[in-house]
Amino acid sequence: MAMTLTKLRSGLQSALAGGAGHRRSEIIKRTFASSSSAHDDEHETAKWEKITYAGIVACTALAAYCLSKGHHHFEEPPAYPYLHIRNKEFPWGPDGLFESKHH
């Protein structure tokens, strides 16, 4: 721990004194692995564009398949006496606002 603090102090002192001028140019010239060349970037971009289009096609096909299948309709539940108890009439008529019963 003391060794680390000593190195940190000496690095700060040399940076403040202007002794790290040659190191600044090394930091600016540093390149990262992901930006090694423009060709690699173009290749990666084209690859992910193709993957994206393939994913869009696959998801669209799956959605079309799932939505084209029929679905099960449940039978009407029995008219239990405790359901739809009305103590007074609705202002819009005898049925509920979103009910569509044929009288």
PDB file of N, CA and C in Angstrom:
ATOM      1  N   MET A   1       0.826  -1.189   0.000  1.00  0.00           N
ATOM      2  CA  MET A   1       0.000   0.000   0.000  1.00  0.00           C
ATOM      3  C   MET A   1       0.869   1.251   0.000  1.00  0.00           C
ATOM      4  N   ALA A   2       1.896   1.256   0.816  1.00  0.00           N
ATOM      5  CA  ALA A   2       2.793   2.417   0.886  1.00  0.00           C
ATOM      6  C   ALA A   2       3.546   2.582  -0.433  1.00  0.00           C
ATOM      7  N   MET A   3       3.861   1.449  -1.069  1.00  0.00           N
ATOM      8  CA  MET A   3       4.580   1.495  -2.338  1.00  0.00           C
ATOM      9  C   MET A   3       3.688   2.127  -3.421  1.00  0.00           C
ATOM     10  N   THR A   4       2.418   1.802  -3.401  1.00  0.00           N
ATOM     11  CA  THR A   4       1.481   2.347  -4.377  1.00  0.00           C
ATOM     12  C   THR A   4       1.326   3.850  -4.189  1.00  0.00           C
ATOM     13  N   LEU A   5       1.212   4.282  -2.942  1.00  0.00           N
ATOM     14  CA  LEU A   5       1.091   5.709  -2.675  1.00  0.00           C
ATOM     15  C   LEU A   5       2.345   6.470  -3.109  1.00  0.00           C
ATOM     16  N   THR A   6       3.492   5.867  -2.924  1.00  0.00           N
ATOM     17  CA  THR A   6       4.752   6.508  -3.320  1.00  0.00           C
ATOM     18  C   THR A   6       4.797   6.675  -4.835  1.00  0.00           C
ATOM     19  N   LYS A   7       4.412   5.630  -5.558  1.00  0.00           N
ATOM     20  CA  LYS A   7       4.407   5.718  -7.021  1.00  0.00           C
ATOM     21  C   LYS A   7       3.393   6.749  -7.500  1.00  0.00           C
ATOM     22  N   LEU A   8       2.253   6.809  -6.854  1.00  0.00           N
ATOM     23  CA  LEU A   8       1.233   7.768  -7.212  1.00  0.00           C
ATOM     24  C   LEU A   8       1.721   9.190  -6.984  1.00  0.00           C
ATOM     25  N   ARG A   9       2.364   9.414  -5.842  1.00  0.00           N
ATOM     26  CA  ARG A   9       2.898  10.746  -5.546  1.00  0.00           C
ATOM     27  C   ARG A   9       3.957  11.158  -6.555  1.00  0.00           C
ATOM     28  N   SER A  10       4.859  10.238  -6.886  1.00  0.00           N
ATOM     29  CA  SER A  10       5.924  10.593  -7.830  1.00  0.00           C
ATOM     30  C   SER A  10       5.345  10.849  -9.221  1.00  0.00           C
ATOM     31  N   GLY A  11       4.314  10.110  -9.576  1.00  0.00           N
ATOM     32  CA  GLY A  11       3.683  10.350 -10.868  1.00  0.00           C
ATOM     33  C   GLY A  11       2.992  11.690 -10.924  1.00  0.00           C
ATOM     34  N   LEU A  12       2.319  12.058  -9.825  1.00  0.00           N
ATOM     35  CA  LEU A  12       1.667  13.357  -9.774  1.00  0.00           C
ATOM     36  C   LEU A  12       2.680  14.496  -9.781  1.00  0.00           C
ATOM     37  N   GLN A  13       3.776  14.316  -9.055  1.00  0.00           N
ATOM     38  CA  GLN A  13       4.794  15.368  -9.006  1.00  0.00           C
ATOM     39  C   GLN A  13       5.430  15.571 -10.375  1.00  0.00           C
ATOM     40  N   SER A  14       5.695  14.482 -11.073  1.00  0.00           N
ATOM     41  CA  SER A  14       6.318  14.636 -12.392  1.00  0.00           C
ATOM     42  C   SER A  14       5.318  15.212 -13.393  1.00  0.00           C
ATOM     43  N   ALA A  15       4.031  14.888 -13.234  1.00  0.00           N
ATOM     44  CA  ALA A  15       3.026  15.451 -14.132  1.00  0.00           C
ATOM     45  C   ALA A  15       2.870  16.938 -13.897  1.00  0.00           C
ATOM     46  N   LEU A  16       2.906  17.362 -12.628  1.00  0.00           N
ATOM     47  CA  LEU A  16       2.789  18.778 -12.322  1.00  0.00           C
ATOM     48  C   LEU A  16       4.034  19.542 -12.726  1.00  0.00           C
ATOM     49  N   ALA A  17       5.163  18.897 -12.673  1.00  0.00           N
ATOM     50  CA  ALA A  17       6.418  19.557 -13.024  1.00  0.00           C
ATOM     51  C   ALA A  17       6.599  19.635 -14.536  1.00  0.00           C
ATOM     52  N   GLY A  18       5.768  18.917 -15.300  1.00  0.00           N
ATOM     53  CA  GLY A  18       5.897  18.957 -16.753  1.00  0.00           C
ATOM     54  C   GLY A  18       6.811  17.874 -17.285  1.00  0.00           C
ATOM     55  N   GLY A  19       7.208  16.956 -16.462  1.00  0.00           N
ATOM     56  CA  GLY A  19       8.097  15.889 -16.893  1.00  0.00           C
ATOM     57  C   GLY A  19       7.392  14.784 -17.653  1.00  0.00           C
ATOM     58  N   ALA A  20       6.074  14.817 -17.742  1.00  0.00           N
ATOM     59  CA  ALA A  20       5.344  13.753 -18.427  1.00  0.00           C
ATOM     60  C   ALA A  20       4.964  14.163 -19.843  1.00  0.00           C
ATOM     61  N   GLY A  21       5.679  15.103 -20.436  1.00  0.00           N
ATOM     62  CA  GLY A  21       5.366  15.574 -21.785  1.00  0.00           C
ATOM     63  C   GLY A  21       5.538  14.496 -22.833  1.00  0.00           C
ATOM     64  N   HIS A  22       6.554  13.657 -22.679  1.00  0.00           N
ATOM     65  CA  HIS A  22       6.758  12.600 -23.670  1.00  0.00           C
ATOM     66  C   HIS A  22       5.711  11.498 -23.521  1.00  0.00           C
ATOM     67  N   ARG A  23       5.120  11.339 -22.353  1.00  0.00           N
ATOM     68  CA  ARG A  23       4.094  10.315 -22.142  1.00  0.00           C
ATOM     69  C   ARG A  23       2.751  10.742 -22.729  1.00  0.00           C
ATOM     70  N   ARG A  24       2.511  12.052 -22.821  1.00  0.00           N
ATOM     71  CA  ARG A  24       1.241  12.530 -23.377  1.00  0.00           C
ATOM     72  C   ARG A  24       1.096  12.104 -24.836  1.00  0.00           C
ATOM     73  N   SER A  25       2.180  12.189 -25.594  1.00  0.00           N
ATOM     74  CA  SER A  25       2.106  11.806 -27.000  1.00  0.00           C
ATOM     75  C   SER A  25       1.850  10.300 -27.140  1.00  0.00           C
ATOM     76  N   GLU A  26       2.364   9.517 -26.197  1.00  0.00           N
ATOM     77  CA  GLU A  26       2.102   8.081 -26.243  1.00  0.00           C
ATOM     78  C   GLU A  26       0.629   7.791 -25.965  1.00  0.00           C
ATOM     79  N   ILE A  27       0.035   8.549 -25.075  1.00  0.00           N
ATOM     80  CA  ILE A  27      -1.371   8.345 -24.749  1.00  0.00           C
ATOM     81  C   ILE A  27      -2.252   8.727 -25.936  1.00  0.00           C
ATOM     82  N   ILE A  28      -1.917   9.786 -26.636  1.00  0.00           N
ATOM     83  CA  ILE A  28      -2.705  10.226 -27.778  1.00  0.00           C
ATOM     84  C   ILE A  28      -2.609   9.215 -28.914  1.00  0.00           C
ATOM     85  N   LYS A  29      -1.443   8.604 -29.121  1.00  0.00           N
ATOM     86  CA  LYS A  29      -1.239   7.658 -30.212  1.00  0.00           C
ATOM     87  C   LYS A  29      -1.858   6.293 -29.933  1.00  0.00           C
ATOM     88  N   ARG A  30      -2.302   6.078 -28.727  1.00  0.00           N
ATOM     89  CA  ARG A  30      -2.832   4.764 -28.346  1.00  0.00           C
ATOM     90  C   ARG A  30      -4.087   4.428 -29.143  1.00  0.00           C
ATOM     91  N   THR A  31      -4.151   3.207 -29.662  1.00  0.00           N
ATOM     92  CA  THR A  31      -5.337   2.753 -30.386  1.00  0.00           C
ATOM     93  C   THR A  31      -5.938   1.577 -29.635  1.00  0.00           C
ATOM     94  N   PHE A  32      -7.237   1.452 -29.726  1.00  0.00           N
ATOM     95  CA  PHE A  32      -7.934   0.361 -29.069  1.00  0.00           C
ATOM     96  C   PHE A  32      -8.110  -0.788 -30.043  1.00  0.00           C
ATOM     97  N   ALA A  33      -8.337  -1.958 -29.498  1.00  0.00           N
ATOM     98  CA  ALA A  33      -8.444  -3.151 -30.340  1.00  0.00           C
ATOM     99  C   ALA A  33      -9.662  -3.092 -31.251  1.00  0.00           C
ATOM    100  N   SER A  34     -10.736  -2.445 -30.824  1.00  0.00           N
ATOM    101  CA  SER A  34     -11.946  -2.415 -31.636  1.00  0.00           C
ATOM    102  C   SER A  34     -11.820  -1.479 -32.829  1.00  0.00           C
ATOM    103  N   SER A  35     -10.888  -0.551 -32.810  1.00  0.00           N
ATOM    104  CA  SER A  35     -10.739   0.376 -33.929  1.00  0.00           C
ATOM    105  C   SER A  35      -9.414   0.160 -34.645  1.00  0.00           C
ATOM    106  N   SER A  36      -9.083  -1.102 -34.896  1.00  0.00           N
ATOM    107  CA  SER A  36      -7.786  -1.392 -35.498  1.00  0.00           C
ATOM    108  C   SER A  36      -7.748  -1.008 -36.966  1.00  0.00           C
ATOM    109  N   SER A  37      -8.849  -1.208 -37.707  1.00  0.00           N
ATOM    110  CA  SER A  37      -8.849  -0.798 -39.104  1.00  0.00           C
ATOM    111  C   SER A  37     -10.273  -0.529 -39.561  1.00  0.00           C
ATOM    112  N   ALA A  38     -10.378   0.251 -40.607  1.00  0.00           N
ATOM    113  CA  ALA A  38     -11.698   0.589 -41.134  1.00  0.00           C
ATOM    114  C   ALA A  38     -12.352  -0.620 -41.793  1.00  0.00           C
ATOM    115  N   HIS A  39     -11.542  -1.500 -42.357  1.00  0.00           N
ATOM    116  CA  HIS A  39     -12.094  -2.692 -43.011  1.00  0.00           C
ATOM    117  C   HIS A  39     -12.813  -3.584 -42.009  1.00  0.00           C
ATOM    118  N   ASP A  40     -12.221  -3.761 -40.839  1.00  0.00           N
ATOM    119  CA  ASP A  40     -12.866  -4.585 -39.810  1.00  0.00           C
ATOM    120  C   ASP A  40     -14.179  -3.967 -39.359  1.00  0.00           C
ATOM    121  N   ASP A  41     -14.220  -2.639 -39.238  1.00  0.00           N
ATOM    122  CA  ASP A  41     -15.446  -1.956 -38.837  1.00  0.00           C
ATOM    123  C   ASP A  41     -16.540  -2.144 -39.880  1.00  0.00           C
ATOM    124  N   GLU A  42     -16.180  -2.025 -41.151  1.00  0.00           N
ATOM    125  CA  GLU A  42     -17.164  -2.219 -42.224  1.00  0.00           C
ATOM    126  C   GLU A  42     -17.672  -3.650 -42.238  1.00  0.00           C
ATOM    127  N   HIS A  43     -16.776  -4.589 -42.003  1.00  0.00           N
ATOM    128  CA  HIS A  43     -17.164  -6.003 -41.986  1.00  0.00           C
ATOM    129  C   HIS A  43     -18.125  -6.283 -40.828  1.00  0.00           C
ATOM    130  N   GLU A  44     -17.822  -5.769 -39.639  1.00  0.00           N
ATOM    131  CA  GLU A  44     -18.696  -5.958 -38.481  1.00  0.00           C
ATOM    132  C   GLU A  44     -20.053  -5.295 -38.694  1.00  0.00           C
ATOM    133  N   THR A  45     -20.060  -4.107 -39.285  1.00  0.00           N
ATOM    134  CA  THR A  45     -21.316  -3.411 -39.544  1.00  0.00           C
ATOM    135  C   THR A  45     -22.182  -4.208 -40.511  1.00  0.00           C
ATOM    136  N   ALA A  46     -21.572  -4.718 -41.580  1.00  0.00           N
ATOM    137  CA  ALA A  46     -22.325  -5.511 -42.555  1.00  0.00           C
ATOM    138  C   ALA A  46     -22.844  -6.798 -41.923  1.00  0.00           C
ATOM    139  N   LYS A  47     -22.029  -7.414 -41.068  1.00  0.00           N
ATOM    140  CA  LYS A  47     -22.451  -8.655 -40.407  1.00  0.00           C
ATOM    141  C   LYS A  47     -23.668  -8.414 -39.526  1.00  0.00           C
ATOM    142  N   TRP A  48     -23.631  -7.364 -38.704  1.00  0.00           N
ATOM    143  CA  TRP A  48     -24.746  -7.114 -37.795  1.00  0.00           C
ATOM    144  C   TRP A  48     -25.977  -6.609 -38.534  1.00  0.00           C
ATOM    145  N   GLU A  49     -25.787  -5.956 -39.669  1.00  0.00           N
ATOM    146  CA  GLU A  49     -26.934  -5.561 -40.485  1.00  0.00           C
ATOM    147  C   GLU A  49     -27.639  -6.801 -41.031  1.00  0.00           C
ATOM    148  N   LYS A  50     -26.877  -7.782 -41.493  1.00  0.00           N
ATOM    149  CA  LYS A  50     -27.475  -9.037 -41.983  1.00  0.00           C
ATOM    150  C   LYS A  50     -28.170  -9.792 -40.855  1.00  0.00           C
ATOM    151  N   ILE A  51     -27.559  -9.822 -39.682  1.00  0.00           N
ATOM    152  CA  ILE A  51     -28.173 -10.500 -38.533  1.00  0.00           C
ATOM    153  C   ILE A  51     -29.479  -9.809 -38.155  1.00  0.00           C
ATOM    154  N   THR A  52     -29.501  -8.484 -38.201  1.00  0.00           N
ATOM    155  CA  THR A  52     -30.714  -7.737 -37.876  1.00  0.00           C
ATOM    156  C   THR A  52     -31.834  -8.052 -38.846  1.00  0.00           C
ATOM    157  N   TYR A  53     -31.529  -8.043 -40.144  1.00  0.00           N
ATOM    158  CA  TYR A  53     -32.556  -8.359 -41.138  1.00  0.00           C
ATOM    159  C   TYR A  53     -33.050  -9.791 -40.995  1.00  0.00           C
ATOM    160  N   ALA A  54     -32.167 -10.721 -40.699  1.00  0.00           N
ATOM    161  CA  ALA A  54     -32.581 -12.112 -40.494  1.00  0.00           C
ATOM    162  C   ALA A  54     -33.486 -12.222 -39.264  1.00  0.00           C
ATOM    163  N   GLY A  55     -33.179 -11.486 -38.208  1.00  0.00           N
ATOM    164  CA  GLY A  55     -34.013 -11.484 -37.009  1.00  0.00           C
ATOM    165  C   GLY A  55     -35.385 -10.895 -37.273  1.00  0.00           C
ATOM    166  N   ILE A  56     -35.444  -9.837 -38.072  1.00  0.00           N
ATOM    167  CA  ILE A  56     -36.726  -9.229 -38.413  1.00  0.00           C
ATOM    168  C   ILE A  56     -37.587 -10.212 -39.196  1.00  0.00           C
ATOM    169  N   VAL A  57     -36.983 -10.889 -40.167  1.00  0.00           N
ATOM    170  CA  VAL A  57     -37.721 -11.865 -40.970  1.00  0.00           C
ATOM    171  C   VAL A  57     -38.205 -13.018 -40.092  1.00  0.00           C
ATOM    172  N   ALA A  58     -37.340 -13.517 -39.205  1.00  0.00           N
ATOM    173  CA  ALA A  58     -37.713 -14.638 -38.334  1.00  0.00           C
ATOM    174  C   ALA A  58     -38.852 -14.243 -37.381  1.00  0.00           C
ATOM    175  N   CYS A  59     -38.778 -13.078 -36.778  1.00  0.00           N
ATOM    176  CA  CYS A  59     -39.829 -12.629 -35.854  1.00  0.00           C
ATOM    177  C   CYS A  59     -41.143 -12.387 -36.587  1.00  0.00           C
ATOM    178  N   THR A  60     -41.081 -11.839 -37.786  1.00  0.00           N
ATOM    179  CA  THR A  60     -42.294 -11.607 -38.566  1.00  0.00           C
ATOM    180  C   THR A  60     -42.937 -12.930 -38.953  1.00  0.00           C
ATOM    181  N   ALA A  61     -42.123 -13.908 -39.376  1.00  0.00           N
ATOM    182  CA  ALA A  61     -42.659 -15.217 -39.739  1.00  0.00           C
ATOM    183  C   ALA A  61     -43.280 -15.911 -38.522  1.00  0.00           C
ATOM    184  N   LEU A  62     -42.626 -15.837 -37.380  1.00  0.00           N
ATOM    185  CA  LEU A  62     -43.162 -16.452 -36.170  1.00  0.00           C
ATOM    186  C   LEU A  62     -44.476 -15.784 -35.746  1.00  0.00           C
ATOM    187  N   ALA A  63     -44.541 -14.467 -35.823  1.00  0.00           N
ATOM    188  CA  ALA A  63     -45.773 -13.755 -35.465  1.00  0.00           C
ATOM    189  C   ALA A  63     -46.900 -14.109 -36.432  1.00  0.00           C
ATOM    190  N   ALA A  64     -46.596 -14.194 -37.727  1.00  0.00           N
ATOM    191  CA  ALA A  64     -47.629 -14.549 -38.707  1.00  0.00           C
ATOM    192  C   ALA A  64     -48.141 -15.963 -38.460  1.00  0.00           C
ATOM    193  N   TYR A  65     -47.243 -16.874 -38.119  1.00  0.00           N
ATOM    194  CA  TYR A  65     -47.648 -18.251 -37.843  1.00  0.00           C
ATOM    195  C   TYR A  65     -48.523 -18.323 -36.586  1.00  0.00           C
ATOM    196  N   CYS A  66     -48.096 -17.653 -35.534  1.00  0.00           N
ATOM    197  CA  CYS A  66     -48.850 -17.705 -34.274  1.00  0.00           C
ATOM    198  C   CYS A  66     -50.213 -17.033 -34.401  1.00  0.00           C
ATOM    199  N   LEU A  67     -50.283 -15.951 -35.141  1.00  0.00           N
ATOM    200  CA  LEU A  67     -51.550 -15.229 -35.264  1.00  0.00           C
ATOM    201  C   LEU A  67     -52.488 -15.864 -36.281  1.00  0.00           C
ATOM    202  N   SER A  68     -51.971 -16.695 -37.184  1.00  0.00           N
ATOM    203  CA  SER A  68     -52.841 -17.308 -38.184  1.00  0.00           C
ATOM    204  C   SER A  68     -53.545 -18.554 -37.656  1.00  0.00           C
ATOM    205  N   LYS A  69     -53.009 -19.126 -36.592  1.00  0.00           N
ATOM    206  CA  LYS A  69     -53.662 -20.301 -36.021  1.00  0.00           C
ATOM    207  C   LYS A  69     -54.951 -19.881 -35.332  1.00  0.00           C
ATOM    208  N   GLY A  70     -55.907 -20.799 -35.320  1.00  0.00           N
ATOM    209  CA  GLY A  70     -57.145 -20.527 -34.609  1.00  0.00           C
ATOM    210  C   GLY A  70     -56.905 -20.592 -33.111  1.00  0.00           C
ATOM    211  N   HIS A  71     -57.789 -19.984 -32.379  1.00  0.00           N
ATOM    212  CA  HIS A  71     -57.660 -20.030 -30.927  1.00  0.00           C
ATOM    213  C   HIS A  71     -58.958 -20.581 -30.330  1.00  0.00           C
ATOM    214  N   HIS A  72     -58.842 -21.095 -29.151  1.00  0.00           N
ATOM    215  CA  HIS A  72     -59.953 -21.757 -28.497  1.00  0.00           C
ATOM    216  C   HIS A  72     -60.926 -20.736 -27.926  1.00  0.00           C
ATOM    217  N   HIS A  73     -62.201 -20.909 -28.205  1.00  0.00           N
ATOM    218  CA  HIS A  73     -63.232 -20.062 -27.615  1.00  0.00           C
ATOM    219  C   HIS A  73     -63.864 -20.816 -26.455  1.00  0.00           C
ATOM    220  N   PHE A  74     -63.949 -20.163 -25.336  1.00  0.00           N
ATOM    221  CA  PHE A  74     -64.525 -20.785 -24.163  1.00  0.00           C
ATOM    222  C   PHE A  74     -66.043 -20.646 -24.214  1.00  0.00           C
ATOM    223  N   GLU A  75     -66.717 -21.610 -23.649  1.00  0.00           N
ATOM    224  CA  GLU A  75     -68.175 -21.521 -23.600  1.00  0.00           C
ATOM    225  C   GLU A  75     -68.588 -20.505 -22.540  1.00  0.00           C
ATOM    226  N   GLU A  76     -69.794 -19.998 -22.678  1.00  0.00           N
ATOM    227  CA  GLU A  76     -70.293 -18.987 -21.744  1.00  0.00           C
ATOM    228  C   GLU A  76     -70.435 -19.581 -20.349  1.00  0.00           C
ATOM    229  N   PRO A  77     -70.040 -18.837 -19.320  1.00  0.00           N
ATOM    230  CA  PRO A  77     -70.226 -19.339 -17.962  1.00  0.00           C
ATOM    231  C   PRO A  77     -71.711 -19.339 -17.600  1.00  0.00           C
ATOM    232  N   PRO A  78     -72.103 -20.178 -16.684  1.00  0.00           N
ATOM    233  CA  PRO A  78     -73.516 -20.198 -16.290  1.00  0.00           C
ATOM    234  C   PRO A  78     -73.927 -18.883 -15.623  1.00  0.00           C
ATOM    235  N   ALA A  79     -75.206 -18.573 -15.712  1.00  0.00           N
ATOM    236  CA  ALA A  79     -75.722 -17.327 -15.138  1.00  0.00           C
ATOM    237  C   ALA A  79     -75.934 -17.528 -13.638  1.00  0.00           C
ATOM    238  N   TYR A  80     -74.928 -17.276 -12.873  1.00  0.00           N
ATOM    239  CA  TYR A  80     -75.034 -17.418 -11.426  1.00  0.00           C
ATOM    240  C   TYR A  80     -75.914 -16.301 -10.867  1.00  0.00           C
ATOM    241  N   PRO A  81     -76.696 -16.570  -9.823  1.00  0.00           N
ATOM    242  CA  PRO A  81     -77.619 -15.546  -9.316  1.00  0.00           C
ATOM    243  C   PRO A  81     -76.909 -14.363  -8.644  1.00  0.00           C
ATOM    244  N   TYR A  82     -75.670 -14.550  -8.200  1.00  0.00           N
ATOM    245  CA  TYR A  82     -74.989 -13.457  -7.502  1.00  0.00           C
ATOM    246  C   TYR A  82     -74.241 -12.531  -8.460  1.00  0.00           C
ATOM    247  N   LEU A  83     -74.249 -12.829  -9.757  1.00  0.00           N
ATOM    248  CA  LEU A  83     -73.586 -11.949 -10.719  1.00  0.00           C
ATOM    249  C   LEU A  83     -74.574 -10.919 -11.247  1.00  0.00           C
ATOM    250  N   HIS A  84     -74.088  -9.762 -11.613  1.00  0.00           N
ATOM    251  CA  HIS A  84     -74.868  -8.685 -12.225  1.00  0.00           C
ATOM    252  C   HIS A  84     -76.064  -8.270 -11.371  1.00  0.00           C
ATOM    253  N   ILE A  85     -75.849  -8.088 -10.100  1.00  0.00           N
ATOM    254  CA  ILE A  85     -76.903  -7.588  -9.218  1.00  0.00           C
ATOM    255  C   ILE A  85     -77.012  -6.083  -9.442  1.00  0.00           C
ATOM    256  N   ARG A  86     -78.194  -5.607  -9.806  1.00  0.00           N
ATOM    257  CA  ARG A  86     -78.421  -4.192 -10.076  1.00  0.00           C
ATOM    258  C   ARG A  86     -79.414  -3.653  -9.049  1.00  0.00           C
ATOM    259  N   ASN A  87     -78.992  -2.710  -8.250  1.00  0.00           N
ATOM    260  CA  ASN A  87     -79.888  -2.090  -7.282  1.00  0.00           C
ATOM    261  C   ASN A  87     -80.676  -0.938  -7.889  1.00  0.00           C
ATOM    262  N   LYS A  88     -80.109  -0.293  -8.919  1.00  0.00           N
ATOM    263  CA  LYS A  88     -80.822   0.763  -9.617  1.00  0.00           C
ATOM    264  C   LYS A  88     -80.374   0.740 -11.081  1.00  0.00           C
ATOM    265  N   GLU A  89     -81.122   1.369 -11.948  1.00  0.00           N
ATOM    266  CA  GLU A  89     -80.827   1.377 -13.380  1.00  0.00           C
ATOM    267  C   GLU A  89     -79.607   2.259 -13.666  1.00  0.00           C
ATOM    268  N   PHE A  90     -78.871   1.864 -14.697  1.00  0.00           N
ATOM    269  CA  PHE A  90     -77.788   2.713 -15.175  1.00  0.00           C
ATOM    270  C   PHE A  90     -78.386   3.879 -15.957  1.00  0.00           C
ATOM    271  N   PRO A  91     -77.720   5.019 -16.021  1.00  0.00           N
ATOM    272  CA  PRO A  91     -78.245   6.150 -16.796  1.00  0.00           C
ATOM    273  C   PRO A  91     -78.355   5.852 -18.290  1.00  0.00           C
ATOM    274  N   TRP A  92     -77.567   4.905 -18.812  1.00  0.00           N
ATOM    275  CA  TRP A  92     -77.557   4.604 -20.240  1.00  0.00           C
ATOM    276  C   TRP A  92     -78.430   3.412 -20.605  1.00  0.00           C
ATOM    277  N   GLY A  93     -79.116   2.820 -19.675  1.00  0.00           N
ATOM    278  CA  GLY A  93     -80.026   1.733 -19.995  1.00  0.00           C
ATOM    279  C   GLY A  93     -79.867   0.563 -19.044  1.00  0.00           C
ATOM    280  N   PRO A  94     -80.592  -0.523 -19.313  1.00  0.00           N
ATOM    281  CA  PRO A  94     -80.578  -1.648 -18.385  1.00  0.00           C
ATOM    282  C   PRO A  94     -79.281  -2.458 -18.402  1.00  0.00           C
ATOM    283  N   ASP A  95     -78.547  -2.464 -19.499  1.00  0.00           N
ATOM    284  CA  ASP A  95     -77.297  -3.233 -19.582  1.00  0.00           C
ATOM    285  C   ASP A  95     -76.123  -2.372 -19.143  1.00  0.00           C
ATOM    286  N   GLY A  96     -75.009  -3.044 -18.894  1.00  0.00           N
ATOM    287  CA  GLY A  96     -73.788  -2.313 -18.569  1.00  0.00           C
ATOM    288  C   GLY A  96     -73.306  -1.513 -19.754  1.00  0.00           C
ATOM    289  N   LEU A  97     -72.379  -0.610 -19.534  1.00  0.00           N
ATOM    290  CA  LEU A  97     -71.911   0.274 -20.600  1.00  0.00           C
ATOM    291  C   LEU A  97     -71.245  -0.507 -21.724  1.00  0.00           C
ATOM    292  N   PHE A  98     -70.508  -1.577 -21.390  1.00  0.00           N
ATOM    293  CA  PHE A  98     -69.793  -2.327 -22.404  1.00  0.00           C
ATOM    294  C   PHE A  98     -70.410  -3.695 -22.669  1.00  0.00           C
ATOM    295  N   GLU A  99     -71.596  -3.931 -22.184  1.00  0.00           N
ATOM    296  CA  GLU A  99     -72.281  -5.193 -22.430  1.00  0.00           C
ATOM    297  C   GLU A  99     -73.145  -5.054 -23.678  1.00  0.00           C
ATOM    298  N   SER A 100     -73.304  -6.134 -24.412  1.00  0.00           N
ATOM    299  CA  SER A 100     -74.158  -6.101 -25.601  1.00  0.00           C
ATOM    300  C   SER A 100     -75.105  -7.308 -25.553  1.00  0.00           C
ATOM    301  N   LYS A 101     -76.160  -7.161 -24.801  1.00  0.00           N
ATOM    302  CA  LYS A 101     -77.152  -8.233 -24.705  1.00  0.00           C
ATOM    303  C   LYS A 101     -78.306  -7.903 -25.634  1.00  0.00           C
ATOM    304  N   HIS A 102     -78.862  -8.927 -26.223  1.00  0.00           N
ATOM    305  CA  HIS A 102     -80.002  -8.738 -27.128  1.00  0.00           C
ATOM    306  C   HIS A 102     -81.287  -9.037 -26.342  1.00  0.00           C
ATOM    307  N   HIS A 103     -82.157  -8.051 -26.206  1.00  0.00           N
ATOM    308  CA  HIS A 103     -83.404  -8.232 -25.439  1.00  0.00           C
ATOM    309  C   HIS A 103     -84.515  -8.649 -26.351  1.00  0.00           C
TER     310      HIS A 103
END
